[in-house]
Amino acid sequence: MTSTTVPARATRTDPPTGTADAVTAHTLLNCLIREVSAPEHQATVDGGRLLVRLPRRDLLLRARLRRVSMIGAHRFHGPVERLDDDGIWAAVGWRELAGYIQEELELRTGVANSEFLEQVADSHETIRTALEHRAGGMPRQDLYLASEQSLVFGHRFHPTPKARTGDPADWLAYGPETGARLRLRHLAVRRRLVRQEGDLSALDALCPSADPEFVTLPVHPWQFRLLSRHERLRAAMTAGDVVDGGVSGPEWVPTASVRTLYQRDADTFLKFSLNVRLTNCVRRHASYELSGAVALNRLVQPVMAGLAERFPTSALLAEPGYRTLAADGGDTTLLEGLGVIVRSGLRDHLRPGVTPLLAAAVADEYPTSAAHVSHLLARGDGDVLPWWDAYLGLLLPPVLAAYFDHGVVLEPHLQNVVVAVNPDGTPAQMIFRDLEGTKLLPRPHEQALAALPEDIRGPLVYDAERGWNRVVYCLLVNHVAEVLGALADLDPAREPALWGLVRDHLGACARAAGHPPRLRALLSGVPLPAKANLLLRWSRRADRHATYVPLTSPLGADFPREVHL
């Protein structure tokens, strides 16, 4: 297929406004191109439009381009169209496009997926409902909370970014996109039925128990409703071993992950289980994940403390303990379903005068909060290059040093990073969070890992190849490329220079690490690993089984600054 040169000059434009129909169609197209059409050389840019052929369906699609991307993460405008039998281009709605993709994937894989169209429809409905609700106004809140609750459209490269099981009315009550506030359900649990590990002083301060024979277990009110008819829970309540204290206490705010709540006054996060599927998975803590979070926190915190001395503008939020109900017998439904992990807050890490913002809100293609990079640049002189230079200098070094110097695989995708900005909008700090995706390379941590039970040790470890793919995907493809894309939307002619800065910073990290082969390969322009969310969803497998597709890299020294599809 052909290639097209990125325009040297372009007019600065304001970020676009999205609709449920258009964004759902464009997101499906993003996934199709990245995971199927581009690897099969069935996509090309021609005359301001992207052409995509589905060879097994003998179908030609096209979409008008707002901007061509050097990494293939293009911006679209208007409807997707198909060429009909009479040679006329006809508009295709999101539902019809999803059907075409379903048919193409069936023919490509020889496997059917009866859930796919329903999940796309669920995602579309969540977006539509959230937009409708937000049109009536959102609660007054600070910039940080607004950023956590701003991700109406979700992941640009996931076919069902807002698919959620359950009653749509629950999303109005508990979803971050609608500005939800909620109070926790509190269960008083007899101590012999409590399973807990680690430091839970923050949890006890939030939820003290009046009776020394009991411990307070906070529960997400939605999860309590989902589990309230469980036989063992009802039996424990009848026996007086579990006492329902009802809904009480201060309001908590759902963050972008939905099941993690934040209490501003206490500056504490609680990560709950939810027996609800969000995008790919039911978000319930497995038993090994509860113990694993505490074990990993113990192993990683000294590493991160050392990195914080070396890179004072970085930090990792601790997850010091968990608590749950151990009344299941051989059934782990309650143990896993009522588990809560404590996560430390932001305040102790933030420098005076800075404002924390969720990185995903900074990079959002369709911004719905003042955290977007366009608003941050408007506070200063508006020049994207020095802003981006500062951002990369904060983000890249600690993540790469964690991998190369300490064998720690961080997961710095957009939803796992909080960016603190100065009053003029310039980046000042990077705070990483969520130990669920943090892993260890086996060799540097062999002795510590050997002391853990196998069911806990195994999920904490990535081999070097898997760990590197995860780091590069989360750091460069999911995070860097998306923030860079938001900057390029504002000044498209700067995209080559923006990628040039990425290369410069990676070169500096390579020198600091002694030029490791993996970084040398990255700087030579080897393809970047992009997580195959569409194919993962099609196969109906969990995130841990995700594979990667190769993405043309703009990082090589001789990269021609052209788009290759």
Protein backbone atom coordinates (compact mmCIF):
# COMPACT_ATOMS: atom_id res chain seq x y z
CA MET A 1 0.00 0.00 0.00
CA THR A 2 1.09 3.62 -0.36
CA SER A 3 2.30 6.12 2.21
CA THR A 4 1.59 9.77 2.72
CA THR A 5 3.80 12.56 4.00
CA VAL A 6 2.73 14.49 7.09
CA PRO A 7 1.92 18.09 6.10
CA ALA A 8 4.62 20.58 6.98
CA ARG A 9 2.11 23.24 7.98
CA ALA A 10 -1.32 23.02 9.51
CA THR A 11 -3.78 25.31 11.19
CA ARG A 12 -4.12 25.09 14.95
CA THR A 13 -7.58 23.74 15.82
CA ASP A 14 -9.66 23.38 18.96
CA PRO A 15 -10.28 19.88 20.33
CA PRO A 16 -13.38 18.28 18.78
CA THR A 17 -16.64 17.39 20.46
CA GLY A 18 -17.64 13.72 20.31
CA THR A 19 -20.99 11.94 20.09
CA ALA A 20 -21.74 8.37 21.10
CA ASP A 21 -22.42 7.30 17.50
CA ALA A 22 -19.37 8.92 15.93
CA VAL A 23 -16.86 7.98 18.63
CA THR A 24 -18.06 4.37 18.76
CA ALA A 25 -17.59 4.07 14.99
CA HIS A 26 -14.19 5.76 15.03
CA THR A 27 -13.00 3.62 17.93
CA LEU A 28 -14.00 0.45 16.11
CA LEU A 29 -12.12 1.73 13.06
CA ASN A 30 -9.03 2.44 15.20
CA CYS A 31 -9.00 -1.16 16.42
CA LEU A 32 -9.64 -2.64 12.99
CA ILE A 33 -6.77 -0.70 11.43
CA ARG A 34 -4.23 -1.33 14.19
CA GLU A 35 -4.84 -5.03 14.73
CA VAL A 36 -6.13 -6.37 11.41
CA SER A 37 -5.99 -4.07 8.38
CA ALA A 38 -2.58 -2.43 8.80
CA PRO A 39 -0.72 -5.69 9.62
CA GLU A 40 -2.36 -7.25 6.54
CA HIS A 41 -1.49 -4.19 4.37
CA GLN A 42 -5.16 -3.50 3.73
CA ALA A 43 -5.19 0.20 4.65
CA THR A 44 -3.88 3.35 3.02
CA VAL A 45 -4.24 7.13 3.12
CA ASP A 46 -5.49 8.66 -0.11
CA GLY A 47 -6.69 12.20 -0.76
CA GLY A 48 -7.42 13.13 2.84
CA ARG A 49 -9.23 9.86 3.54
CA LEU A 50 -8.27 6.52 4.99
CA LEU A 51 -9.22 3.54 2.84
CA VAL A 52 -9.66 0.16 4.54
CA ARG A 53 -10.37 -3.08 2.71
CA LEU A 54 -11.96 -6.10 4.36
CA PRO A 55 -10.70 -8.77 1.94
CA ARG A 56 -12.71 -11.68 3.33
CA ARG A 57 -15.92 -9.66 3.09
CA ASP A 58 -14.82 -8.07 -0.20
CA LEU A 59 -15.74 -4.69 1.27
CA LEU A 60 -14.08 -1.28 0.96
CA LEU A 61 -14.51 1.32 3.72
CA ARG A 62 -13.29 4.88 4.01
CA ALA A 63 -13.26 7.72 6.53
CA ARG A 64 -12.31 11.38 6.22
CA LEU A 65 -9.19 12.37 8.17
CA ARG A 66 -8.89 15.33 10.50
CA ARG A 67 -5.21 14.56 10.95
CA VAL A 68 -2.78 11.91 9.77
CA SER A 69 -0.68 10.36 12.54
CA MET A 70 2.92 9.23 12.17
CA ILE A 71 2.18 6.21 14.34
CA GLY A 72 -1.10 5.34 12.65
CA ALA A 73 -3.30 6.72 15.43
CA HIS A 74 -5.23 8.88 12.97
CA ARG A 75 -8.04 11.30 13.78
CA PHE A 76 -11.27 10.87 11.84
CA HIS A 77 -14.09 13.20 10.96
CA GLY A 78 -17.64 12.39 9.91
CA PRO A 79 -19.16 9.00 9.11
CA VAL A 80 -17.46 5.85 8.01
CA GLU A 81 -18.55 4.98 4.46
CA ARG A 82 -18.62 1.82 2.34
CA LEU A 83 -18.48 1.42 -1.41
CA ASP A 84 -21.67 -0.26 -2.60
CA ASP A 85 -22.19 -2.44 -5.66
CA ASP A 86 -23.14 0.60 -7.76
CA GLY A 87 -19.86 2.38 -7.00
CA ILE A 88 -21.52 4.87 -4.63
CA TRP A 89 -20.16 5.67 -1.17
CA ALA A 90 -22.84 5.21 1.50
CA ALA A 91 -22.63 6.17 5.17
CA VAL A 92 -22.21 3.30 7.66
CA GLY A 93 -23.45 3.57 11.25
CA TRP A 94 -21.58 2.19 14.23
CA ARG A 95 -23.80 -0.87 14.51
CA GLU A 96 -23.39 -1.77 10.83
CA LEU A 97 -19.62 -1.28 11.07
CA ALA A 98 -19.49 -3.57 14.10
CA GLY A 99 -21.34 -6.19 12.07
CA TYR A 100 -18.81 -5.94 9.24
CA ILE A 101 -15.96 -6.36 11.70
CA GLN A 102 -17.69 -9.33 13.30
CA GLU A 103 -18.07 -11.03 9.91
CA GLU A 104 -14.46 -10.29 8.93
CA LEU A 105 -13.12 -11.68 12.21
CA GLU A 106 -15.23 -14.81 11.94
CA LEU A 107 -13.80 -15.46 8.49
CA ARG A 108 -10.28 -14.56 9.64
CA THR A 109 -10.24 -16.71 12.78
CA GLY A 110 -12.78 -19.45 12.07
CA VAL A 111 -14.31 -18.63 15.46
CA ALA A 112 -17.65 -17.00 16.20
CA ASN A 113 -18.31 -14.55 19.03
CA SER A 114 -21.98 -14.13 19.83
CA GLU A 115 -21.23 -11.52 22.53
CA PHE A 116 -19.36 -9.05 20.39
CA LEU A 117 -22.22 -6.95 18.95
CA GLU A 118 -24.00 -6.85 22.30
CA GLN A 119 -20.85 -5.62 24.05
CA VAL A 120 -20.32 -2.90 21.44
CA ALA A 121 -23.96 -1.87 21.94
CA ASP A 122 -23.49 -1.85 25.74
CA SER A 123 -20.45 0.40 25.39
CA HIS A 124 -22.32 2.77 23.07
CA GLU A 125 -25.25 2.94 25.48
CA THR A 126 -22.99 3.77 28.43
CA ILE A 127 -21.47 6.63 26.44
CA ARG A 128 -24.85 7.88 25.26
CA THR A 129 -26.31 7.77 28.78
CA ALA A 130 -23.29 9.53 30.29
CA LEU A 131 -23.40 12.33 27.71
CA GLU A 132 -27.12 12.78 28.27
CA HIS A 133 -26.61 12.95 32.03
CA ARG A 134 -23.68 15.37 31.79
CA ALA A 135 -25.72 17.69 29.58
CA GLY A 136 -27.77 18.45 32.66
CA GLY A 137 -24.67 19.65 34.53
CA MET A 138 -21.98 18.10 36.69
CA PRO A 139 -21.35 18.68 40.41
CA ARG A 140 -18.87 21.39 41.34
CA GLN A 141 -15.55 19.71 42.06
CA ASP A 142 -11.84 20.38 41.98
CA LEU A 143 -9.76 19.81 38.86
CA TYR A 144 -8.35 16.51 40.06
CA LEU A 145 -11.72 14.88 40.71
CA ALA A 146 -13.09 16.35 37.48
CA SER A 147 -10.21 14.72 35.59
CA GLU A 148 -10.88 11.32 37.20
CA GLN A 149 -14.53 11.54 36.18
CA SER A 150 -14.07 12.95 32.69
CA LEU A 151 -13.38 9.82 30.61
CA VAL A 152 -16.74 9.57 28.91
CA PHE A 153 -15.46 7.79 25.78
CA GLY A 154 -12.74 5.56 27.19
CA HIS A 155 -9.83 3.83 25.47
CA ARG A 156 -9.42 4.86 21.79
CA PHE A 157 -8.06 1.43 20.87
CA HIS A 158 -10.57 -0.82 22.61
CA PRO A 159 -13.65 -2.04 20.70
CA THR A 160 -15.91 -1.88 23.77
CA PRO A 161 -14.28 0.73 26.01
CA LYS A 162 -17.39 1.38 28.09
CA ALA A 163 -19.03 -2.06 28.03
CA ARG A 164 -20.46 -2.82 31.46
CA THR A 165 -22.76 -5.52 32.70
CA GLY A 166 -25.63 -4.65 35.01
CA ASP A 167 -28.56 -2.28 35.09
CA PRO A 168 -27.80 1.02 33.25
CA ALA A 169 -29.41 2.85 36.17
CA ASP A 170 -26.54 1.65 38.36
CA TRP A 171 -24.09 3.55 36.19
CA LEU A 172 -25.85 6.78 36.94
CA ALA A 173 -25.50 6.06 40.65
CA TYR A 174 -22.01 4.59 40.72
CA GLY A 175 -20.18 5.54 37.51
CA PRO A 176 -17.51 8.25 37.50
CA GLU A 177 -18.68 9.71 34.16
CA THR A 178 -21.87 11.01 35.79
CA GLY A 179 -20.10 12.69 38.71
CA ALA A 180 -21.34 10.09 41.19
CA ARG A 181 -20.83 10.43 44.94
CA LEU A 182 -21.58 7.55 47.26
CA ARG A 183 -21.37 6.41 50.87
CA LEU A 184 -19.98 3.03 51.86
CA ARG A 185 -21.81 0.10 53.39
CA HIS A 186 -20.18 -0.89 56.68
CA LEU A 187 -20.18 -4.45 57.98
CA ALA A 188 -19.04 -5.27 61.51
CA VAL A 189 -17.29 -8.65 61.21
CA ARG A 190 -16.28 -10.88 64.10
CA ARG A 191 -12.48 -11.00 64.19
CA ARG A 192 -12.20 -14.75 63.65
CA LEU A 193 -13.97 -14.32 60.30
CA VAL A 194 -11.66 -11.55 59.09
CA ARG A 195 -8.77 -12.17 56.74
CA GLN A 196 -6.36 -9.29 56.44
CA GLU A 197 -2.70 -8.53 55.84
CA GLY A 198 -0.44 -5.52 56.03
CA ASP A 199 -0.85 -2.08 57.52
CA LEU A 200 -4.54 -1.20 57.86
CA SER A 201 -4.21 1.81 60.14
CA ALA A 202 -5.64 4.10 57.47
CA LEU A 203 -8.67 1.85 57.08
CA ASP A 204 -9.23 1.63 60.84
CA ALA A 205 -9.01 5.41 61.10
CA LEU A 206 -11.70 5.72 58.44
CA CYS A 207 -13.91 2.94 59.78
CA PRO A 208 -13.32 2.41 63.52
CA SER A 209 -15.12 -0.40 65.33
CA ALA A 210 -16.98 0.28 68.58
CA ASP A 211 -16.72 -3.36 69.69
CA PRO A 212 -13.23 -4.89 70.19
CA GLU A 213 -14.56 -8.31 69.12
CA PHE A 214 -15.48 -6.93 65.70
CA VAL A 215 -13.66 -5.25 62.83
CA THR A 216 -15.30 -2.87 60.36
CA LEU A 217 -15.29 -4.00 56.73
CA PRO A 218 -16.35 -1.26 54.29
CA VAL A 219 -18.13 -2.53 51.18
CA HIS A 220 -19.01 -0.82 47.93
CA PRO A 221 -22.82 -0.40 48.13
CA TRP A 222 -23.29 -1.82 44.64
CA GLN A 223 -21.24 -4.90 45.48
CA PHE A 224 -23.16 -5.39 48.71
CA ARG A 225 -26.40 -5.46 46.76
CA LEU A 226 -24.93 -7.97 44.30
CA LEU A 227 -23.80 -10.29 47.13
CA SER A 228 -26.50 -9.66 49.73
CA ARG A 229 -28.37 -12.90 48.92
CA HIS A 230 -25.29 -15.09 49.19
CA GLU A 231 -26.13 -18.03 51.46
CA ARG A 232 -23.03 -17.84 53.67
CA LEU A 233 -23.28 -14.09 54.11
CA ARG A 234 -26.92 -14.40 55.17
CA ALA A 235 -26.01 -17.21 57.56
CA ALA A 236 -23.22 -15.16 59.12
CA MET A 237 -25.56 -12.23 59.56
CA THR A 238 -28.24 -14.44 61.10
CA ALA A 239 -25.65 -15.84 63.54
CA GLY A 240 -24.56 -12.33 64.52
CA ASP A 241 -21.04 -12.83 63.18
CA VAL A 242 -21.62 -10.13 60.58
CA VAL A 243 -23.68 -7.08 61.46
CA ASP A 244 -24.91 -4.76 58.73
CA GLY A 245 -24.23 -1.20 59.84
CA GLY A 246 -25.93 0.26 56.79
CA VAL A 247 -24.73 3.06 54.55
CA SER A 248 -22.99 5.85 56.40
CA GLY A 249 -19.95 8.08 56.63
CA PRO A 250 -18.45 10.63 54.25
CA GLU A 251 -18.96 10.69 50.52
CA TRP A 252 -16.52 8.82 48.31
CA VAL A 253 -15.81 9.61 44.67
CA PRO A 254 -15.52 6.90 41.98
CA THR A 255 -12.28 7.36 40.06
CA ALA A 256 -11.67 6.41 36.41
CA SER A 257 -11.36 2.69 37.20
CA VAL A 258 -14.93 2.73 38.62
CA ARG A 259 -14.24 0.36 41.53
CA THR A 260 -11.52 2.48 43.15
CA LEU A 261 -12.99 5.25 45.29
CA TYR A 262 -11.31 8.35 46.70
CA GLN A 263 -12.10 10.19 49.91
CA ARG A 264 -10.71 13.70 49.65
CA ASP A 265 -10.62 14.71 53.33
CA ALA A 266 -8.88 11.48 54.35
CA ASP A 267 -6.77 11.49 51.15
CA THR A 268 -7.20 7.74 50.82
CA PHE A 269 -8.16 5.40 47.98
CA LEU A 270 -10.02 2.13 48.50
CA LYS A 271 -10.01 -0.44 45.72
CA PHE A 272 -13.04 -2.70 45.95
CA SER A 273 -14.18 -5.81 44.16
CA LEU A 274 -17.13 -5.42 41.77
CA ASN A 275 -18.89 -8.43 40.29
CA VAL A 276 -19.35 -6.42 37.12
CA ARG A 277 -17.52 -6.78 33.83
CA LEU A 278 -15.78 -3.57 32.80
CA THR A 279 -14.41 -3.74 29.23
CA ASN A 280 -12.77 -7.20 29.34
CA CYS A 281 -12.99 -8.56 32.87
CA VAL A 282 -15.14 -8.96 35.95
CA ARG A 283 -13.37 -6.67 38.40
CA ARG A 284 -13.19 -8.95 41.40
CA HIS A 285 -10.08 -9.39 43.53
CA ALA A 286 -8.81 -12.93 43.22
CA SER A 287 -7.55 -14.35 46.51
CA TYR A 288 -3.95 -14.39 45.28
CA GLU A 289 -4.27 -10.74 44.17
CA LEU A 290 -5.13 -9.65 47.70
CA SER A 291 -2.08 -11.28 49.27
CA GLY A 292 -0.01 -10.45 46.21
CA ALA A 293 -0.71 -6.72 46.51
CA VAL A 294 0.69 -6.65 50.06
CA ALA A 295 3.69 -8.81 49.16
CA LEU A 296 4.46 -6.72 46.10
CA ASN A 297 4.07 -3.48 48.05
CA ARG A 298 6.61 -4.74 50.57
CA LEU A 299 9.10 -5.64 47.81
CA VAL A 300 8.61 -2.61 45.60
CA GLN A 301 8.46 0.24 48.10
CA PRO A 302 12.21 0.21 48.89
CA VAL A 303 12.93 0.29 45.15
CA MET A 304 10.57 3.18 44.62
CA ALA A 305 12.00 5.04 47.62
CA GLY A 306 15.42 4.78 46.00
CA LEU A 307 14.06 5.93 42.65
CA ALA A 308 12.33 8.85 44.39
CA GLU A 309 15.71 9.98 45.72
CA ARG A 310 17.15 9.73 42.23
CA PHE A 311 14.04 11.21 40.55
CA PRO A 312 12.44 13.43 43.20
CA THR A 313 9.51 14.26 40.95
CA SER A 314 8.25 10.65 40.86
CA ALA A 315 6.40 8.43 43.31
CA LEU A 316 4.39 5.21 43.47
CA LEU A 317 1.25 5.11 45.61
CA ALA A 318 1.55 2.37 48.24
CA GLU A 319 -0.99 -0.41 48.76
CA PRO A 320 -0.10 -1.38 52.32
CA GLY A 321 -2.94 -3.75 53.23
CA TYR A 322 -6.23 -5.47 52.52
CA ARG A 323 -9.18 -6.78 54.49
CA THR A 324 -11.94 -9.19 53.60
CA LEU A 325 -14.45 -11.69 54.98
CA ALA A 326 -13.22 -15.29 55.31
CA ALA A 327 -16.59 -17.03 55.70
CA ASP A 328 -16.70 -18.99 52.47
CA GLY A 329 -15.68 -22.50 53.42
CA GLY A 330 -14.55 -23.96 50.12
CA ASP A 331 -16.27 -21.15 48.19
CA THR A 332 -14.21 -17.98 47.65
CA THR A 333 -17.12 -15.81 46.46
CA LEU A 334 -17.25 -13.69 49.61
CA LEU A 335 -13.52 -13.68 50.31
CA GLU A 336 -12.85 -12.32 46.82
CA GLY A 337 -16.04 -10.32 46.42
CA LEU A 338 -15.75 -8.37 49.69
CA GLY A 339 -12.01 -7.74 49.56
CA VAL A 340 -10.85 -4.13 49.83
CA ILE A 341 -7.29 -2.92 49.18
CA VAL A 342 -6.07 0.30 50.82
CA ARG A 343 -4.10 2.67 48.61
CA SER A 344 -2.26 5.71 49.94
CA GLY A 345 -3.29 9.18 48.84
CA LEU A 346 -1.65 11.89 46.80
CA ARG A 347 -1.13 14.63 49.34
CA ASP A 348 2.13 13.43 50.89
CA HIS A 349 3.75 13.30 47.45
CA LEU A 350 2.61 16.60 45.98
CA ARG A 351 4.80 19.68 45.96
CA PRO A 352 3.29 22.97 47.14
CA GLY A 353 1.16 24.76 44.57
CA VAL A 354 0.78 21.89 42.08
CA THR A 355 -2.50 20.38 40.85
CA PRO A 356 -2.80 16.61 40.27
CA LEU A 357 -4.56 15.51 37.06
CA LEU A 358 -5.26 12.10 35.57
CA ALA A 359 -2.99 11.63 32.55
CA ALA A 360 -5.84 10.10 30.52
CA ALA A 361 -7.80 13.33 30.88
CA VAL A 362 -4.78 15.37 29.73
CA ALA A 363 -4.58 13.27 26.55
CA ASP A 364 -8.29 12.79 25.80
CA GLU A 365 -9.12 13.15 22.10
CA TYR A 366 -12.58 14.45 23.06
CA PRO A 367 -11.89 16.44 26.23
CA THR A 368 -14.64 16.93 28.77
CA SER A 369 -12.63 18.60 31.55
CA ALA A 370 -10.22 21.47 32.11
CA ALA A 371 -7.43 18.91 32.58
CA HIS A 372 -6.95 18.61 28.82
CA VAL A 373 -3.55 19.64 27.49
CA SER A 374 -5.11 22.45 25.44
CA HIS A 375 -6.25 24.11 28.69
CA LEU A 376 -2.88 23.53 30.36
CA LEU A 377 -1.03 25.14 27.45
CA ALA A 378 -3.43 28.09 27.52
CA ARG A 379 -2.20 28.89 31.03
CA GLY A 380 1.30 29.54 29.69
CA ASP A 381 2.75 30.61 26.36
CA GLY A 382 1.09 27.78 24.42
CA ASP A 383 4.33 26.36 23.00
CA VAL A 384 3.97 22.60 22.80
CA LEU A 385 7.68 21.71 22.58
CA PRO A 386 8.97 22.94 25.96
CA TRP A 387 5.83 21.58 27.64
CA TRP A 388 6.43 18.17 26.04
CA ASP A 389 10.14 18.26 26.87
CA ALA A 390 9.28 18.74 30.55
CA TYR A 391 6.63 15.99 30.45
CA LEU A 392 8.97 13.40 28.96
CA GLY A 393 11.73 14.30 31.40
CA LEU A 394 9.40 13.43 34.27
CA LEU A 395 7.80 10.31 32.80
CA LEU A 396 10.44 8.27 31.00
CA PRO A 397 13.48 8.09 33.35
CA PRO A 398 11.87 6.53 36.45
CA VAL A 399 9.92 3.92 34.45
CA LEU A 400 12.97 2.81 32.46
CA ALA A 401 15.27 2.91 35.48
CA ALA A 402 12.79 0.72 37.40
CA TYR A 403 13.05 -1.89 34.62
CA PHE A 404 16.75 -1.80 33.80
CA ASP A 405 18.21 -1.05 37.21
CA HIS A 406 15.78 -2.85 39.52
CA GLY A 407 13.83 -5.42 37.49
CA VAL A 408 10.49 -3.76 38.28
CA VAL A 409 7.88 -3.61 35.52
CA LEU A 410 5.68 -0.58 36.08
CA GLU A 411 2.43 -0.20 34.14
CA PRO A 412 2.37 3.52 33.30
CA HIS A 413 -0.63 3.60 31.01
CA LEU A 414 -2.75 6.74 30.96
CA GLN A 415 -5.16 5.63 33.66
CA ASN A 416 -2.34 4.64 36.04
CA VAL A 417 -0.48 7.96 36.07
CA VAL A 418 -1.36 11.20 37.82
CA VAL A 419 0.43 14.26 36.45
CA ALA A 420 0.93 17.21 38.78
CA VAL A 421 1.12 20.58 37.02
CA ASN A 422 2.33 24.01 38.07
CA PRO A 423 -0.01 27.04 38.06
CA ASP A 424 1.21 27.86 34.52
CA GLY A 425 0.17 24.37 33.35
CA THR A 426 3.69 22.96 32.97
CA PRO A 427 4.27 19.37 34.20
CA ALA A 428 5.90 19.16 37.61
CA GLN A 429 5.54 15.58 38.90
CA MET A 430 4.54 12.04 37.87
CA ILE A 431 2.78 9.79 40.36
CA PHE A 432 2.27 6.12 39.44
CA ARG A 433 -0.43 3.92 40.90
CA ASP A 434 -2.07 0.47 40.93
CA LEU A 435 0.12 -2.48 41.88
CA GLU A 436 -2.18 -4.90 40.05
CA GLY A 437 -0.23 -4.25 36.85
CA THR A 438 3.19 -3.91 38.47
CA LYS A 439 5.37 -7.00 38.06
CA LEU A 440 8.88 -8.21 38.88
CA LEU A 441 11.56 -9.73 36.68
CA PRO A 442 12.56 -13.05 38.30
CA ARG A 443 16.35 -12.85 38.44
CA PRO A 444 16.80 -9.59 40.44
CA HIS A 445 14.16 -10.71 42.96
CA GLU A 446 14.85 -14.45 43.04
CA GLN A 447 15.46 -14.73 46.78
CA ALA A 448 12.47 -12.61 47.84
CA LEU A 449 10.14 -14.38 45.41
CA ALA A 450 11.26 -17.83 46.57
CA ALA A 451 9.89 -17.04 50.02
CA LEU A 452 6.36 -16.57 48.66
CA PRO A 453 3.81 -19.34 48.03
CA GLU A 454 3.63 -20.33 44.35
CA ASP A 455 0.04 -19.13 43.88
CA ILE A 456 1.14 -15.65 44.98
CA ARG A 457 4.62 -15.67 43.42
CA GLY A 458 3.56 -16.72 39.92
CA PRO A 459 1.23 -13.79 39.13
CA LEU A 460 3.83 -11.28 40.37
CA VAL A 461 6.45 -12.27 37.79
CA TYR A 462 7.02 -11.45 34.13
CA ASP A 463 9.91 -12.83 32.14
CA ALA A 464 12.16 -10.17 30.58
CA GLU A 465 10.45 -10.28 27.16
CA ARG A 466 6.91 -10.07 28.46
CA GLY A 467 7.91 -7.38 30.92
CA TRP A 468 9.61 -5.31 28.24
CA ASN A 469 6.61 -5.56 25.91
CA ARG A 470 4.35 -4.41 28.73
CA VAL A 471 6.60 -1.47 29.60
CA VAL A 472 6.95 -0.33 25.99
CA TYR A 473 3.26 -0.70 25.26
CA CYS A 474 2.07 1.13 28.37
CA LEU A 475 4.79 3.78 28.32
CA LEU A 476 5.15 4.58 24.62
CA VAL A 477 2.07 3.33 22.77
CA ASN A 478 -0.66 3.86 25.33
CA HIS A 479 0.79 6.89 27.13
CA VAL A 480 3.43 8.84 25.21
CA ALA A 481 1.81 8.41 21.79
CA GLU A 482 -1.60 9.52 23.10
CA VAL A 483 -0.38 12.64 24.88
CA LEU A 484 1.75 13.41 21.83
CA GLY A 485 -1.33 12.93 19.67
CA ALA A 486 -3.27 15.47 21.72
CA LEU A 487 -0.42 17.95 21.28
CA ALA A 488 -0.22 17.24 17.54
CA ASP A 489 -3.96 17.92 17.26
CA LEU A 490 -3.23 21.46 18.42
CA ASP A 491 -0.21 21.95 16.14
CA PRO A 492 0.05 19.15 13.53
CA ALA A 493 3.21 20.50 11.92
CA ARG A 494 5.06 19.86 15.18
CA GLU A 495 4.46 16.10 15.25
CA PRO A 496 7.91 15.16 13.83
CA ALA A 497 9.58 17.43 16.38
CA LEU A 498 7.46 15.94 19.17
CA TRP A 499 8.65 12.44 18.24
CA GLY A 500 12.17 13.80 17.97
CA LEU A 501 12.01 14.83 21.62
CA VAL A 502 10.84 11.32 22.56
CA ARG A 503 13.90 9.93 20.80
CA ASP A 504 16.18 12.43 22.55
CA HIS A 505 14.87 11.48 25.99
CA LEU A 506 15.07 7.76 25.26
CA GLY A 507 18.67 8.30 24.13
CA ALA A 508 19.46 9.99 27.44
CA CYS A 509 17.87 7.09 29.33
CA ALA A 510 19.89 4.63 27.25
CA ARG A 511 23.14 6.42 28.15
CA ALA A 512 22.20 6.44 31.84
CA ALA A 513 21.47 2.69 31.74
CA GLY A 514 24.69 1.80 29.89
CA HIS A 515 23.08 1.40 26.46
CA PRO A 516 21.14 -1.83 27.11
CA PRO A 517 20.30 -3.79 23.92
CA ARG A 518 16.55 -3.37 24.34
CA LEU A 519 16.81 0.42 24.36
CA ARG A 520 19.29 0.38 21.49
CA ALA A 521 16.79 -1.65 19.48
CA LEU A 522 14.03 0.80 20.36
CA LEU A 523 16.16 3.68 19.13
CA SER A 524 16.91 1.81 15.92
CA GLY A 525 13.22 1.90 15.08
CA VAL A 526 12.09 -1.67 15.76
CA PRO A 527 8.28 -2.01 15.69
CA LEU A 528 6.47 -1.06 18.89
CA PRO A 529 4.20 -3.63 20.60
CA ALA A 530 0.55 -2.53 20.64
CA LYS A 531 -1.89 -4.47 22.79
CA ALA A 532 -4.46 -6.27 20.62
CA ASN A 533 -7.65 -5.34 22.47
CA LEU A 534 -9.97 -6.19 19.57
CA LEU A 535 -8.51 -9.66 19.10
CA LEU A 536 -8.46 -10.21 22.87
CA ARG A 537 -12.13 -9.31 23.14
CA TRP A 538 -12.91 -11.46 20.12
CA SER A 539 -11.23 -14.47 21.76
CA ARG A 540 -13.10 -13.74 25.03
CA ARG A 541 -9.95 -14.11 27.10
CA ALA A 542 -8.75 -12.20 30.16
CA ASP A 543 -6.24 -9.33 29.99
CA ARG A 544 -3.40 -11.56 31.15
CA HIS A 545 -3.67 -13.44 27.84
CA ALA A 546 -3.31 -10.30 25.71
CA THR A 547 -1.03 -10.43 22.69
CA TYR A 548 0.64 -7.59 20.80
CA VAL A 549 0.67 -6.47 17.19
CA PRO A 550 3.68 -4.64 15.68
CA LEU A 551 3.29 -0.91 15.18
CA THR A 552 5.53 1.10 12.87
CA SER A 553 7.87 3.15 15.05
CA PRO A 554 8.81 6.79 14.39
CA LEU A 555 11.83 6.49 16.71
CA GLY A 556 14.51 5.28 14.29
CA ALA A 557 17.26 7.76 13.40
CA ASP A 558 16.46 7.43 9.70
CA PHE A 559 12.67 7.42 10.05
CA PRO A 560 11.41 9.28 6.95
CA ARG A 561 8.65 11.07 8.86
CA GLU A 562 6.02 9.43 6.70
CA VAL A 563 2.99 7.34 7.57
CA HIS A 564 3.37 3.68 6.58
CA LEU A 565 0.25 1.55 6.73
